[in-house]
């Protein structure tokens, strides 16, 4: 599978709200540098699993709409909007945030990530 296919499959899956699916996509030594509207966060495998579990408690559905994707060897840059449906109101889709991420793929898994986000 190509680096682009891995990233597309990741964002089309429910990995963001299902840690069991997340495990299929992330390298055990994953490291993410995330600049969010709340500040800088650095995440490793365990903190990423915790985030996925936390999101699963709040949202019943997660959908990513990718607007741009650029690939160079094992590096994939992707710009997307993340939409969710809450447990309280599962019929209404709401925009959670806009993201720009750069992923390095290693051993066919997400290995090194650099991400920026802005809440909607």
PDB file of N, CA and C in Angstrom:
ATOM      1  N   UNK A   1       0.848  -1.173   0.000  1.00  0.00           N
ATOM      2  CA  UNK A   1       0.000   0.000   0.000  1.00  0.00           C
ATOM      3  C   UNK A   1       0.895   1.238   0.000  1.00  0.00           C
ATOM      4  N   UNK A   2       0.545   2.215  -0.789  1.00  0.00           N
ATOM      5  CA  UNK A   2       1.339   3.447  -0.866  1.00  0.00           C
ATOM      6  C   UNK A   2       1.081   4.321   0.357  1.00  0.00           C
ATOM      7  N   UNK A   3       1.983   5.284   0.587  1.00  0.00           N
ATOM      8  CA  UNK A   3       1.825   6.216   1.708  1.00  0.00           C
ATOM      9  C   UNK A   3       0.497   6.962   1.609  1.00  0.00           C
ATOM     10  N   UNK A   4       0.148   7.391   0.408  1.00  0.00           N
ATOM     11  CA  UNK A   4      -1.115   8.114   0.201  1.00  0.00           C
ATOM     12  C   UNK A   4      -2.304   7.220   0.540  1.00  0.00           C
ATOM     13  N   UNK A   5      -2.262   5.980   0.107  1.00  0.00           N
ATOM     14  CA  UNK A   5      -3.369   5.060   0.380  1.00  0.00           C
ATOM     15  C   UNK A   5      -3.529   4.817   1.881  1.00  0.00           C
ATOM     16  N   UNK A   6      -2.408   4.714   2.591  1.00  0.00           N
ATOM     17  CA  UNK A   6      -2.467   4.511   4.048  1.00  0.00           C
ATOM     18  C   UNK A   6      -3.155   5.691   4.722  1.00  0.00           C
ATOM     19  N   UNK A   7      -2.759   6.905   4.365  1.00  0.00           N
ATOM     20  CA  UNK A   7      -3.345   8.103   4.971  1.00  0.00           C
ATOM     21  C   UNK A   7      -4.826   8.226   4.610  1.00  0.00           C
ATOM     22  N   UNK A   8      -5.170   7.997   3.349  1.00  0.00           N
ATOM     23  CA  UNK A   8      -6.585   8.062   2.948  1.00  0.00           C
ATOM     24  C   UNK A   8      -7.420   7.026   3.687  1.00  0.00           C
ATOM     25  N   UNK A   9      -6.910   5.820   3.791  1.00  0.00           N
ATOM     26  CA  UNK A   9      -7.643   4.763   4.496  1.00  0.00           C
ATOM     27  C   UNK A   9      -7.817   5.114   5.974  1.00  0.00           C
ATOM     28  N   UNK A  10      -6.778   5.701   6.572  1.00  0.00           N
ATOM     29  CA  UNK A  10      -6.853   6.124   7.973  1.00  0.00           C
ATOM     30  C   UNK A  10      -7.980   7.129   8.180  1.00  0.00           C
ATOM     31  N   UNK A  11      -8.013   8.173   7.363  1.00  0.00           N
ATOM     32  CA  UNK A  11      -9.019   9.215   7.552  1.00  0.00           C
ATOM     33  C   UNK A  11     -10.421   8.779   7.136  1.00  0.00           C
ATOM     34  N   UNK A  12     -10.537   7.774   6.287  1.00  0.00           N
ATOM     35  CA  UNK A  12     -11.860   7.261   5.914  1.00  0.00           C
ATOM     36  C   UNK A  12     -12.400   6.273   6.947  1.00  0.00           C
ATOM     37  N   UNK A  13     -11.541   5.796   7.823  1.00  0.00           N
ATOM     38  CA  UNK A  13     -11.961   4.840   8.849  1.00  0.00           C
ATOM     39  C   UNK A  13     -12.533   5.584  10.059  1.00  0.00           C
ATOM     40  N   UNK A  14     -12.926   4.817  11.056  1.00  0.00           N
ATOM     41  CA  UNK A  14     -13.401   5.393  12.319  1.00  0.00           C
ATOM     42  C   UNK A  14     -12.289   5.436  13.363  1.00  0.00           C
ATOM     43  N   UNK A  15     -11.032   5.444  12.923  1.00  0.00           N
ATOM     44  CA  UNK A  15      -9.893   5.400  13.845  1.00  0.00           C
ATOM     45  C   UNK A  15      -9.903   6.553  14.844  1.00  0.00           C
ATOM     46  N   UNK A  16     -10.361   7.718  14.431  1.00  0.00           N
ATOM     47  CA  UNK A  16     -10.334   8.869  15.329  1.00  0.00           C
ATOM     48  C   UNK A  16     -11.253   8.689  16.543  1.00  0.00           C
ATOM     49  N   UNK A  17     -12.267   7.830  16.408  1.00  0.00           N
ATOM     50  CA  UNK A  17     -13.170   7.590  17.539  1.00  0.00           C
ATOM     51  C   UNK A  17     -13.199   6.119  17.961  1.00  0.00           C
ATOM     52  N   UNK A  18     -12.246   5.329  17.477  1.00  0.00           N
ATOM     53  CA  UNK A  18     -12.193   3.911  17.840  1.00  0.00           C
ATOM     54  C   UNK A  18     -10.726   3.502  17.986  1.00  0.00           C
ATOM     55  N   UNK A  19     -10.272   3.347  19.217  1.00  0.00           N
ATOM     56  CA  UNK A  19      -8.861   3.064  19.464  1.00  0.00           C
ATOM     57  C   UNK A  19      -8.424   1.711  18.911  1.00  0.00           C
ATOM     58  N   UNK A  20      -9.341   0.761  18.787  1.00  0.00           N
ATOM     59  CA  UNK A  20      -8.983  -0.543  18.202  1.00  0.00           C
ATOM     60  C   UNK A  20      -8.639  -0.388  16.725  1.00  0.00           C
ATOM     61  N   UNK A  21      -9.382   0.433  16.026  1.00  0.00           N
ATOM     62  CA  UNK A  21      -9.069   0.712  14.621  1.00  0.00           C
ATOM     63  C   UNK A  21      -7.801   1.557  14.542  1.00  0.00           C
ATOM     64  N   UNK A  22      -7.651   2.514  15.461  1.00  0.00           N
ATOM     65  CA  UNK A  22      -6.465   3.366  15.496  1.00  0.00           C
ATOM     66  C   UNK A  22      -5.195   2.527  15.566  1.00  0.00           C
ATOM     67  N   UNK A  23      -5.210   1.461  16.359  1.00  0.00           N
ATOM     68  CA  UNK A  23      -4.041   0.600  16.531  1.00  0.00           C
ATOM     69  C   UNK A  23      -3.559   0.004  15.209  1.00  0.00           C
ATOM     70  N   UNK A  24      -4.465  -0.204  14.276  1.00  0.00           N
ATOM     71  CA  UNK A  24      -4.103  -0.774  12.976  1.00  0.00           C
ATOM     72  C   UNK A  24      -3.270   0.195  12.136  1.00  0.00           C
ATOM     73  N   UNK A  25      -3.400   1.488  12.386  1.00  0.00           N
ATOM     74  CA  UNK A  25      -2.790   2.509  11.537  1.00  0.00           C
ATOM     75  C   UNK A  25      -1.536   3.150  12.114  1.00  0.00           C
ATOM     76  N   UNK A  26      -1.346   3.108  13.426  1.00  0.00           N
ATOM     77  CA  UNK A  26      -0.244   3.863  14.016  1.00  0.00           C
ATOM     78  C   UNK A  26       0.922   2.966  14.404  1.00  0.00           C
ATOM     79  N   UNK A  27       2.094   3.494  14.193  1.00  0.00           N
ATOM     80  CA  UNK A  27       3.342   2.828  14.557  1.00  0.00           C
ATOM     81  C   UNK A  27       3.472   2.868  16.078  1.00  0.00           C
ATOM     82  N   UNK A  28       4.021   1.828  16.708  1.00  0.00           N
ATOM     83  CA  UNK A  28       4.167   1.840  18.172  1.00  0.00           C
ATOM     84  C   UNK A  28       5.029   2.995  18.697  1.00  0.00           C
ATOM     85  N   UNK A  29       5.890   3.532  17.847  1.00  0.00           N
ATOM     86  CA  UNK A  29       6.754   4.644  18.258  1.00  0.00           C
ATOM     87  C   UNK A  29       6.272   5.985  17.700  1.00  0.00           C
ATOM     88  N   UNK A  30       4.984   6.084  17.410  1.00  0.00           N
ATOM     89  CA  UNK A  30       4.426   7.313  16.828  1.00  0.00           C
ATOM     90  C   UNK A  30       4.694   8.513  17.731  1.00  0.00           C
ATOM     91  N   UNK A  31       4.927   9.633  17.097  1.00  0.00           N
ATOM     92  CA  UNK A  31       5.096  10.898  17.809  1.00  0.00           C
ATOM     93  C   UNK A  31       4.432  11.983  16.965  1.00  0.00           C
ATOM     94  N   UNK A  32       3.570  12.772  17.589  1.00  0.00           N
ATOM     95  CA  UNK A  32       2.844  13.836  16.894  1.00  0.00           C
ATOM     96  C   UNK A  32       3.108  15.158  17.598  1.00  0.00           C
ATOM     97  N   UNK A  33       3.525  16.161  16.835  1.00  0.00           N
ATOM     98  CA  UNK A  33       3.628  17.538  17.313  1.00  0.00           C
ATOM     99  C   UNK A  33       2.386  18.264  16.806  1.00  0.00           C
ATOM    100  N   UNK A  34       1.552  18.726  17.722  1.00  0.00           N
ATOM    101  CA  UNK A  34       0.260  19.302  17.357  1.00  0.00           C
ATOM    102  C   UNK A  34       0.180  20.729  17.885  1.00  0.00           C
ATOM    103  N   UNK A  35       0.071  21.671  16.982  1.00  0.00           N
ATOM    104  CA  UNK A  35      -0.184  23.068  17.335  1.00  0.00           C
ATOM    105  C   UNK A  35      -1.675  23.313  17.175  1.00  0.00           C
ATOM    106  N   UNK A  36      -2.363  23.438  18.294  1.00  0.00           N
ATOM    107  CA  UNK A  36      -3.808  23.629  18.259  1.00  0.00           C
ATOM    108  C   UNK A  36      -4.144  25.034  18.728  1.00  0.00           C
ATOM    109  N   UNK A  37      -5.411  25.368  18.670  1.00  0.00           N
ATOM    110  CA  UNK A  37      -5.848  26.669  19.158  1.00  0.00           C
ATOM    111  C   UNK A  37      -5.661  26.775  20.672  1.00  0.00           C
ATOM    112  N   UNK A  38      -5.457  25.638  21.337  1.00  0.00           N
ATOM    113  CA  UNK A  38      -5.230  25.626  22.780  1.00  0.00           C
ATOM    114  C   UNK A  38      -3.750  25.580  23.133  1.00  0.00           C
ATOM    115  N   UNK A  39      -2.879  25.536  22.126  1.00  0.00           N
ATOM    116  CA  UNK A  39      -1.445  25.505  22.390  1.00  0.00           C
ATOM    117  C   UNK A  39      -0.781  24.281  21.792  1.00  0.00           C
ATOM    118  N   UNK A  40       0.470  24.062  22.174  1.00  0.00           N
ATOM    119  CA  UNK A  40       1.261  22.953  21.648  1.00  0.00           C
ATOM    120  C   UNK A  40       1.038  21.691  22.473  1.00  0.00           C
ATOM    121  N   UNK A  41       0.833  20.586  21.762  1.00  0.00           N
ATOM    122  CA  UNK A  41       0.653  19.282  22.389  1.00  0.00           C
ATOM    123  C   UNK A  41       1.578  18.306  21.675  1.00  0.00           C
ATOM    124  N   UNK A  42       2.289  17.478  22.442  1.00  0.00           N
ATOM    125  CA  UNK A  42       3.065  16.406  21.829  1.00  0.00           C
ATOM    126  C   UNK A  42       2.442  15.094  22.296  1.00  0.00           C
ATOM    127  N   UNK A  43       2.138  14.233  21.329  1.00  0.00           N
ATOM    128  CA  UNK A  43       1.453  12.985  21.644  1.00  0.00           C
ATOM    129  C   UNK A  43       2.291  11.792  21.213  1.00  0.00           C
ATOM    130  N   UNK A  44       2.225  10.734  22.042  1.00  0.00           N
ATOM    131  CA  UNK A  44       2.840   9.461  21.691  1.00  0.00           C
ATOM    132  C   UNK A  44       1.730   8.424  21.523  1.00  0.00           C
ATOM    133  N   UNK A  45       2.092   7.185  21.420  1.00  0.00           N
ATOM    134  CA  UNK A  45       1.112   6.114  21.190  1.00  0.00           C
ATOM    135  C   UNK A  45       0.026   6.103  22.265  1.00  0.00           C
ATOM    136  N   UNK A  46       0.430   6.105  23.531  1.00  0.00           N
ATOM    137  CA  UNK A  46      -0.549   6.018  24.622  1.00  0.00           C
ATOM    138  C   UNK A  46      -1.478   7.231  24.670  1.00  0.00           C
ATOM    139  N   UNK A  47      -0.929   8.421  24.505  1.00  0.00           N
ATOM    140  CA  UNK A  47      -1.780   9.613  24.562  1.00  0.00           C
ATOM    141  C   UNK A  47      -2.718   9.679  23.357  1.00  0.00           C
ATOM    142  N   UNK A  48      -2.296   9.143  22.214  1.00  0.00           N
ATOM    143  CA  UNK A  48      -3.174   9.091  21.038  1.00  0.00           C
ATOM    144  C   UNK A  48      -4.327   8.117  21.273  1.00  0.00           C
ATOM    145  N   UNK A  49      -4.045   6.983  21.898  1.00  0.00           N
ATOM    146  CA  UNK A  49      -5.109   6.024  22.226  1.00  0.00           C
ATOM    147  C   UNK A  49      -6.081   6.646  23.232  1.00  0.00           C
ATOM    148  N   UNK A  50      -5.547   7.377  24.199  1.00  0.00           N
ATOM    149  CA  UNK A  50      -6.407   8.059  25.177  1.00  0.00           C
ATOM    150  C   UNK A  50      -7.315   9.071  24.485  1.00  0.00           C
ATOM    151  N   UNK A  51      -6.774   9.828  23.530  1.00  0.00           N
ATOM    152  CA  UNK A  51      -7.575  10.803  22.797  1.00  0.00           C
ATOM    153  C   UNK A  51      -8.685  10.106  22.010  1.00  0.00           C
ATOM    154  N   UNK A  52      -8.358   9.012  21.348  1.00  0.00           N
ATOM    155  CA  UNK A  52      -9.361   8.273  20.583  1.00  0.00           C
ATOM    156  C   UNK A  52     -10.472   7.762  21.503  1.00  0.00           C
ATOM    157  N   UNK A  53     -10.110   7.256  22.660  1.00  0.00           N
ATOM    158  CA  UNK A  53     -11.115   6.788  23.624  1.00  0.00           C
ATOM    159  C   UNK A  53     -11.980   7.938  24.136  1.00  0.00           C
ATOM    160  N   UNK A  54     -11.354   9.087  24.366  1.00  0.00           N
ATOM    161  CA  UNK A  54     -12.092  10.265  24.825  1.00  0.00           C
ATOM    162  C   UNK A  54     -13.090  10.727  23.759  1.00  0.00           C
ATOM    163  N   UNK A  55     -12.651  10.759  22.510  1.00  0.00           N
ATOM    164  CA  UNK A  55     -13.550  11.164  21.418  1.00  0.00           C
ATOM    165  C   UNK A  55     -14.708  10.186  21.258  1.00  0.00           C
ATOM    166  N   UNK A  56     -14.461   8.903  21.490  1.00  0.00           N
ATOM    167  CA  UNK A  56     -15.527   7.901  21.335  1.00  0.00           C
ATOM    168  C   UNK A  56     -16.614   8.069  22.381  1.00  0.00           C
ATOM    169  N   UNK A  57     -16.273   8.655  23.520  1.00  0.00           N
ATOM    170  CA  UNK A  57     -17.278   8.895  24.556  1.00  0.00           C
ATOM    171  C   UNK A  57     -18.171  10.090  24.234  1.00  0.00           C
ATOM    172  N   UNK A  58     -17.713  10.985  23.376  1.00  0.00           N
ATOM    173  CA  UNK A  58     -18.472  12.197  23.061  1.00  0.00           C
ATOM    174  C   UNK A  58     -19.187  12.124  21.713  1.00  0.00           C
ATOM    175  N   UNK A  59     -18.644  11.338  20.778  1.00  0.00           N
ATOM    176  CA  UNK A  59     -19.170  11.350  19.411  1.00  0.00           C
ATOM    177  C   UNK A  59     -19.548   9.957  18.938  1.00  0.00           C
ATOM    178  N   UNK A  60     -20.672   9.884  18.208  1.00  0.00           N
ATOM    179  CA  UNK A  60     -21.111   8.602  17.660  1.00  0.00           C
ATOM    180  C   UNK A  60     -20.639   8.408  16.222  1.00  0.00           C
ATOM    181  N   UNK A  61     -20.261   9.492  15.596  1.00  0.00           N
ATOM    182  CA  UNK A  61     -19.817   9.426  14.198  1.00  0.00           C
ATOM    183  C   UNK A  61     -18.756  10.487  13.971  1.00  0.00           C
ATOM    184  N   UNK A  62     -17.803  10.128  13.129  1.00  0.00           N
ATOM    185  CA  UNK A  62     -16.719  11.035  12.781  1.00  0.00           C
ATOM    186  C   UNK A  62     -16.500  10.937  11.282  1.00  0.00           C
ATOM    187  N   UNK A  63     -16.395  12.093  10.639  1.00  0.00           N
ATOM    188  CA  UNK A  63     -16.186  12.111   9.194  1.00  0.00           C
ATOM    189  C   UNK A  63     -15.147  13.170   8.862  1.00  0.00           C
ATOM    190  N   UNK A  64     -14.226  12.799   7.999  1.00  0.00           N
ATOM    191  CA  UNK A  64     -13.182  13.716   7.560  1.00  0.00           C
ATOM    192  C   UNK A  64     -13.401  14.026   6.092  1.00  0.00           C
ATOM    193  N   UNK A  65     -13.384  15.310   5.764  1.00  0.00           N
ATOM    194  CA  UNK A  65     -13.485  15.736   4.361  1.00  0.00           C
ATOM    195  C   UNK A  65     -12.153  16.349   3.962  1.00  0.00           C
ATOM    196  N   UNK A  66     -11.441  15.636   3.108  1.00  0.00           N
ATOM    197  CA  UNK A  66     -10.115  16.062   2.668  1.00  0.00           C
ATOM    198  C   UNK A  66     -10.247  16.996   1.481  1.00  0.00           C
ATOM    199  N   UNK A  67      -9.577  18.150   1.560  1.00  0.00           N
ATOM    200  CA  UNK A  67      -9.605  19.091   0.441  1.00  0.00           C
ATOM    201  C   UNK A  67      -8.305  19.063  -0.357  1.00  0.00           C
ATOM    202  N   UNK A  68      -7.189  18.718   0.304  1.00  0.00           N
ATOM    203  CA  UNK A  68      -5.897  18.671  -0.374  1.00  0.00           C
ATOM    204  C   UNK A  68      -5.081  17.501   0.166  1.00  0.00           C
ATOM    205  N   UNK A  69      -4.340  16.853  -0.729  1.00  0.00           N
ATOM    206  CA  UNK A  69      -3.410  15.814  -0.307  1.00  0.00           C
ATOM    207  C   UNK A  69      -2.223  15.837  -1.263  1.00  0.00           C
ATOM    208  N   UNK A  70      -1.025  15.906  -0.698  1.00  0.00           N
ATOM    209  CA  UNK A  70       0.204  15.992  -1.486  1.00  0.00           C
ATOM    210  C   UNK A  70       1.171  14.937  -0.951  1.00  0.00           C
ATOM    211  N   UNK A  71       1.812  14.220  -1.869  1.00  0.00           N
ATOM    212  CA  UNK A  71       2.683  13.117  -1.477  1.00  0.00           C
ATOM    213  C   UNK A  71       4.074  13.301  -2.059  1.00  0.00           C
ATOM    214  N   UNK A  72       5.078  13.025  -1.232  1.00  0.00           N
ATOM    215  CA  UNK A  72       6.455  12.986  -1.697  1.00  0.00           C
ATOM    216  C   UNK A  72       7.154  11.851  -0.955  1.00  0.00           C
ATOM    217  N   UNK A  73       7.391  10.745  -1.656  1.00  0.00           N
ATOM    218  CA  UNK A  73       7.994   9.528  -1.086  1.00  0.00           C
ATOM    219  C   UNK A  73       7.166   9.033   0.092  1.00  0.00           C
ATOM    220  N   UNK A  74       7.732   9.039   1.311  1.00  0.00           N
ATOM    221  CA  UNK A  74       7.007   8.519   2.474  1.00  0.00           C
ATOM    222  C   UNK A  74       6.348   9.625   3.305  1.00  0.00           C
ATOM    223  N   UNK A  75       6.253  10.830   2.741  1.00  0.00           N
ATOM    224  CA  UNK A  75       5.644  11.972   3.430  1.00  0.00           C
ATOM    225  C   UNK A  75       4.327  12.340   2.738  1.00  0.00           C
ATOM    226  N   UNK A  76       3.272  12.469   3.532  1.00  0.00           N
ATOM    227  CA  UNK A  76       1.956  12.818   3.006  1.00  0.00           C
ATOM    228  C   UNK A  76       1.442  14.043   3.764  1.00  0.00           C
ATOM    229  N   UNK A  77       1.100  15.093   3.034  1.00  0.00           N
ATOM    230  CA  UNK A  77       0.496  16.291   3.612  1.00  0.00           C
ATOM    231  C   UNK A  77      -0.986  16.284   3.272  1.00  0.00           C
ATOM    232  N   UNK A  78      -1.801  16.577   4.249  1.00  0.00           N
ATOM    233  CA  UNK A  78      -3.245  16.523   4.039  1.00  0.00           C
ATOM    234  C   UNK A  78      -3.913  17.689   4.762  1.00  0.00           C
ATOM    235  N   UNK A  79      -4.850  18.315   4.060  1.00  0.00           N
ATOM    236  CA  UNK A  79      -5.661  19.396   4.639  1.00  0.00           C
ATOM    237  C   UNK A  79      -7.091  18.885   4.663  1.00  0.00           C
ATOM    238  N   UNK A  80      -7.729  18.987   5.832  1.00  0.00           N
ATOM    239  CA  UNK A  80      -9.073  18.418   5.946  1.00  0.00           C
ATOM    240  C   UNK A  80      -9.899  19.133   7.005  1.00  0.00           C
ATOM    241  N   UNK A  81     -11.198  18.886   6.938  1.00  0.00           N
ATOM    242  CA  UNK A  81     -12.134  19.354   7.949  1.00  0.00           C
ATOM    243  C   UNK A  81     -12.717  18.125   8.637  1.00  0.00           C
ATOM    244  N   UNK A  82     -12.829  18.190   9.957  1.00  0.00           N
ATOM    245  CA  UNK A  82     -13.315  17.057  10.744  1.00  0.00           C
ATOM    246  C   UNK A  82     -14.726  17.372  11.248  1.00  0.00           C
ATOM    247  N   UNK A  83     -15.664  16.536  10.848  1.00  0.00           N
ATOM    248  CA  UNK A  83     -17.057  16.674  11.241  1.00  0.00           C
ATOM    249  C   UNK A  83     -17.429  15.539  12.192  1.00  0.00           C
ATOM    250  N   UNK A  84     -18.311  15.821  13.144  1.00  0.00           N
ATOM    251  CA  UNK A  84     -18.735  14.816  14.116  1.00  0.00           C
ATOM    252  C   UNK A  84     -20.239  14.902  14.336  1.00  0.00           C
ATOM    253  N   UNK A  85     -20.766  13.800  14.893  1.00  0.00           N
ATOM    254  CA  UNK A  85     -22.138  13.761  15.387  1.00  0.00           C
ATOM    255  C   UNK A  85     -22.051  13.395  16.862  1.00  0.00           C
ATOM    256  N   UNK A  86     -22.682  14.202  17.693  1.00  0.00           N
ATOM    257  CA  UNK A  86     -22.592  13.993  19.141  1.00  0.00           C
ATOM    258  C   UNK A  86     -23.576  12.925  19.605  1.00  0.00           C
ATOM    259  N   UNK A  87     -23.290  12.390  20.768  1.00  0.00           N
ATOM    260  CA  UNK A  87     -24.188  11.413  21.379  1.00  0.00           C
ATOM    261  C   UNK A  87     -25.531  12.069  21.688  1.00  0.00           C
ATOM    262  N   UNK A  88     -25.483  13.338  22.115  1.00  0.00           N
ATOM    263  CA  UNK A  88     -26.716  14.051  22.463  1.00  0.00           C
ATOM    264  C   UNK A  88     -27.591  14.338  21.252  1.00  0.00           C
ATOM    265  N   UNK A  89     -26.976  14.562  20.097  1.00  0.00           N
ATOM    266  CA  UNK A  89     -27.731  14.903  18.898  1.00  0.00           C
ATOM    267  C   UNK A  89     -27.130  14.179  17.679  1.00  0.00           C
ATOM    268  N   UNK A  90     -27.377  12.875  17.557  1.00  0.00           N
ATOM    269  CA  UNK A  90     -26.737  12.080  16.506  1.00  0.00           C
ATOM    270  C   UNK A  90     -27.217  12.379  15.084  1.00  0.00           C
ATOM    271  N   UNK A  91     -28.267  13.163  14.940  1.00  0.00           N
ATOM    272  CA  UNK A  91     -28.759  13.489  13.591  1.00  0.00           C
ATOM    273  C   UNK A  91     -28.103  14.733  13.003  1.00  0.00           C
ATOM    274  N   UNK A  92     -27.462  15.533  13.851  1.00  0.00           N
ATOM    275  CA  UNK A  92     -26.862  16.779  13.375  1.00  0.00           C
ATOM    276  C   UNK A  92     -25.344  16.638  13.259  1.00  0.00           C
ATOM    277  N   UNK A  93     -24.852  16.886  12.065  1.00  0.00           N
ATOM    278  CA  UNK A  93     -23.415  16.862  11.841  1.00  0.00           C
ATOM    279  C   UNK A  93     -22.863  18.260  12.098  1.00  0.00           C
ATOM    280  N   UNK A  94     -21.792  18.331  12.901  1.00  0.00           N
ATOM    281  CA  UNK A  94     -21.203  19.634  13.187  1.00  0.00           C
ATOM    282  C   UNK A  94     -19.708  19.616  12.863  1.00  0.00           C
ATOM    283  N   UNK A  95     -19.233  20.763  12.420  1.00  0.00           N
ATOM    284  CA  UNK A  95     -17.815  20.920  12.126  1.00  0.00           C
ATOM    285  C   UNK A  95     -17.059  21.063  13.438  1.00  0.00           C
ATOM    286  N   UNK A  96     -16.107  20.174  13.669  1.00  0.00           N
ATOM    287  CA  UNK A  96     -15.299  20.226  14.880  1.00  0.00           C
ATOM    288  C   UNK A  96     -14.116  21.172  14.701  1.00  0.00           C
ATOM    289  N   UNK A  97     -13.345  20.966  13.605  1.00  0.00           N
ATOM    290  CA  UNK A  97     -12.160  21.804  13.389  1.00  0.00           C
ATOM    291  C   UNK A  97     -11.610  21.585  11.981  1.00  0.00           C
ATOM    292  N   UNK A  98     -10.736  22.498  11.575  1.00  0.00           N
ATOM    293  CA  UNK A  98      -9.980  22.382  10.331  1.00  0.00           C
ATOM    294  C   UNK A  98      -8.560  21.969  10.695  1.00  0.00           C
ATOM    295  N   UNK A  99      -7.954  21.107   9.880  1.00  0.00           N
ATOM    296  CA  UNK A  99      -6.628  20.570  10.176  1.00  0.00           C
ATOM    297  C   UNK A  99      -5.718  20.634   8.964  1.00  0.00           C
ATOM    298  N   UNK A 100      -4.433  20.732   9.245  1.00  0.00           N
ATOM    299  CA  UNK A 100      -3.365  20.553   8.262  1.00  0.00           C
ATOM    300  C   UNK A 100      -2.377  19.603   8.927  1.00  0.00           C
ATOM    301  N   UNK A 101      -2.104  18.479   8.281  1.00  0.00           N
ATOM    302  CA  UNK A 101      -1.215  17.485   8.877  1.00  0.00           C
ATOM    303  C   UNK A 101      -0.180  17.019   7.865  1.00  0.00           C
ATOM    304  N   UNK A 102       0.993  16.733   8.370  1.00  0.00           N
ATOM    305  CA  UNK A 102       2.064  16.142   7.576  1.00  0.00           C
ATOM    306  C   UNK A 102       2.428  14.834   8.270  1.00  0.00           C
ATOM    307  N   UNK A 103       2.357  13.729   7.526  1.00  0.00           N
ATOM    308  CA  UNK A 103       2.625  12.410   8.079  1.00  0.00           C
ATOM    309  C   UNK A 103       3.826  11.768   7.415  1.00  0.00           C
ATOM    310  N   UNK A 104       4.693  11.198   8.227  1.00  0.00           N
ATOM    311  CA  UNK A 104       5.742  10.332   7.712  1.00  0.00           C
ATOM    312  C   UNK A 104       5.283   8.897   7.953  1.00  0.00           C
ATOM    313  N   UNK A 105       5.395   8.073   6.922  1.00  0.00           N
ATOM    314  CA  UNK A 105       4.976   6.682   7.008  1.00  0.00           C
ATOM    315  C   UNK A 105       6.216   5.808   7.207  1.00  0.00           C
ATOM    316  N   UNK A 106       6.129   4.875   8.149  1.00  0.00           N
ATOM    317  CA  UNK A 106       7.218   3.926   8.385  1.00  0.00           C
ATOM    318  C   UNK A 106       6.594   2.562   8.669  1.00  0.00           C
ATOM    319  N   UNK A 107       7.074   1.528   8.004  1.00  0.00           N
ATOM    320  CA  UNK A 107       6.530   0.175   8.172  1.00  0.00           C
ATOM    321  C   UNK A 107       5.020   0.147   7.877  1.00  0.00           C
ATOM    322  N   UNK A 108       4.600   0.937   6.877  1.00  0.00           N
ATOM    323  CA  UNK A 108       3.188   1.026   6.473  1.00  0.00           C
ATOM    324  C   UNK A 108       2.268   1.525   7.584  1.00  0.00           C
ATOM    325  N   UNK A 109       2.811   2.361   8.470  1.00  0.00           N
ATOM    326  CA  UNK A 109       2.019   2.937   9.561  1.00  0.00           C
ATOM    327  C   UNK A 109       2.354   4.415   9.715  1.00  0.00           C
ATOM    328  N   UNK A 110       1.442   5.161  10.346  1.00  0.00           N
ATOM    329  CA  UNK A 110       1.695   6.565  10.665  1.00  0.00           C
ATOM    330  C   UNK A 110       2.771   6.611  11.742  1.00  0.00           C
ATOM    331  N   UNK A 111       3.885   7.267  11.431  1.00  0.00           N
ATOM    332  CA  UNK A 111       5.046   7.233  12.328  1.00  0.00           C
ATOM    333  C   UNK A 111       5.338   8.586  12.973  1.00  0.00           C
ATOM    334  N   UNK A 112       5.428   9.619  12.164  1.00  0.00           N
ATOM    335  CA  UNK A 112       5.761  10.958  12.670  1.00  0.00           C
ATOM    336  C   UNK A 112       4.756  11.932  12.100  1.00  0.00           C
ATOM    337  N   UNK A 113       4.107  12.695  12.963  1.00  0.00           N
ATOM    338  CA  UNK A 113       3.078  13.622  12.519  1.00  0.00           C
ATOM    339  C   UNK A 113       3.320  15.034  12.996  1.00  0.00           C
ATOM    340  N   UNK A 114       2.991  15.972  12.138  1.00  0.00           N
ATOM    341  CA  UNK A 114       3.030  17.399  12.461  1.00  0.00           C
ATOM    342  C   UNK A 114       1.656  17.922  12.077  1.00  0.00           C
ATOM    343  N   UNK A 115       0.955  18.520  13.026  1.00  0.00           N
ATOM    344  CA  UNK A 115      -0.436  18.886  12.784  1.00  0.00           C
ATOM    345  C   UNK A 115      -0.743  20.261  13.357  1.00  0.00           C
ATOM    346  N   UNK A 116      -1.577  20.989  12.617  1.00  0.00           N
ATOM    347  CA  UNK A 116      -2.102  22.267  13.094  1.00  0.00           C
ATOM    348  C   UNK A 116      -3.620  22.206  12.969  1.00  0.00           C
ATOM    349  N   UNK A 117      -4.298  22.808  13.919  1.00  0.00           N
ATOM    350  CA  UNK A 117      -5.764  22.793  13.870  1.00  0.00           C
ATOM    351  C   UNK A 117      -6.318  24.127  14.339  1.00  0.00           C
ATOM    352  N   UNK A 118      -7.529  24.384  13.872  1.00  0.00           N
ATOM    353  CA  UNK A 118      -8.265  25.567  14.292  1.00  0.00           C
ATOM    354  C   UNK A 118      -9.711  25.143  14.497  1.00  0.00           C
ATOM    355  N   UNK A 119     -10.233  25.428  15.675  1.00  0.00           N
ATOM    356  CA  UNK A 119     -11.631  25.109  15.955  1.00  0.00           C
ATOM    357  C   UNK A 119     -12.535  25.880  15.018  1.00  0.00           C
ATOM    358  N   UNK A 120     -13.673  25.292  14.730  1.00  0.00           N
ATOM    359  CA  UNK A 120     -14.620  25.945  13.821  1.00  0.00           C
ATOM    360  C   UNK A 120     -15.301  27.129  14.477  1.00  0.00           C
TER     361      UNK A 120
END
